Amino acid sequence: MSTSGIKGSKDDPTAGRQIDRNKSLLTNVVQSITKLSNLIMTVENFQDSKLDSFRKTFDDLIPKLNTEINEVHQEATNEIFLSGDADMSDVLKKLDHLEEKYNGLEKVSLKYQSWQEVLQINQTPFENLDQLRDELRIRADMWRALSTWEDKQQEWVKLQFSKIDAKGISDEADKYAKVANRVDKALPPNPIGEKLKLLVDTFRGTMPVVTALRNKDIEDSHLQEIKDLLQTEFDKDDPGFTLNSLIEMNVVQFQEEIQLISTQASQEASLRRQINALNEQWRKIDLITKPYKEGEVNVLDEIEDVFAALDDSLATINTILRSRFVKPLRAEAEGWKKTLFTLNQVIEEWVVCQKQWIYLENIFKGPDTKKQLPTESQKFEKVDQLFKALMGKTKKSPNAIKTLKLHSNLLEQLKANNELLDDIQKKLEDYLEK
């Protein structure tokens, strides 16, 4: 049976046709692959030829572009851009035109570099284009800065002194000073860069003087110092006194000296405020008193607060006297120091006197003591009268400084009283020991 099955297959006409079709399909595939391979080879050969063509084209394009760049570079470095005789308007137009050329060359260079990247060719760096950009930019910055600054200057010089925006002009001057410094470093010495620097430095140096003259602490004496320094008279409140007036007085030359005078004025004003604060403080400090016994006489009380105020005030006045700006206030400050130091001594002696008076007053109040110690009793009565009179005046006018001024020799009186009280107490002790 197996033999007959095989035989039937060979004799089947349908199977034969299928084989023929497969052979034909295979032939067609082989032919297609051959054609595709030939096509790929043709394209590759074409690409290779085109790449060679593009490379040869770049061999022409790059040198041509470099030549154009060098020509524009030569124009940009023309001596006219460093000449003081050149017309501002003409130079600015030429610079605008050269920048247009540079922008066009830059676009072409970027296009060439992008092509080179696609073609896997080393990109041309165009270093000469970078040099052109730097040379052109610094010259354009210099001329445009000078042009803009001169326009601003024409407006500023007419300003009345009271309307000068010192901070605004200083900020502008700082900005243009950076341009001037870049020009100074990048270009050889030239009248345009020097003019820009001179104009900017003049305004830049004048603004601190404006600020100094506007100092609210400056007094007539300080203004006179400045006038003597400048060797000229001026009235900064005069409507005709402008920024140009200051510049013409060559204040820049004396900028540091004028600022120093202004600083002196501020420091003196600060010292003055401290002295005024002392005056105000002591205007309110009173010697507190309280009734003693039946109230016939008052005695000092809460004296610790006065001593604390004295310590603080003496520290303040010593600080003022150590200031290098104290000269015009030295006499007043030294006067305060003397007053405070004397008041401190007075109160110390006063407290000692009061303690001894309280102790002896009880003893000499009785008739026996007066009889046994008549001399000491008379001495005590003298001190007693002076002490009660002093306390009576202090109760009516308690201000510490006024009390000191009302009794010009108070310290000497208290010292004398204390010596008498010491002598009385010594005699009393001798008497009691017998």
Foldseek 3Di string as FASTA:
>chain_A
DVVVVVVVVVVDVVVVVVVVVVVVVVVVVVVVVVVVVVVVVVVVVVVVVVLVVVVVVCVVVVVVLLVLLVVLLCVLPDCLLQAPPHDLVVVLVSLVVSVVVLVVSVVVLVVQQVVCVVSVHDRDPPVSSVVSCVSSVLSNLLSVLLVVLVVVVVVQQQAQLVPHPLVVLLVVLVVQCVSLVVNPVPDPDGPSSVVSNVSSLLSNLCSLLSVLVPQPLDDPVLVVVVCVVLVHDDDSPDRRHHSNNSSVSVCSVVSVVSNVSSVLSVVQVVLVVLVVVLVVVLVPDFFDWDADDVRPAIATDPCVVVVVNLVVSLVSLVVLCPDPSCVVPNVVSVVVNVLSVVLVLLVVLRVLLVVLLVVCVVVLVDPVCCVVCVPLNVLNVVLVVVNRVLRVVCVVPGRSSVSCVVDVCSSVVSVVSSVSSVVSVVVVVVVVVD
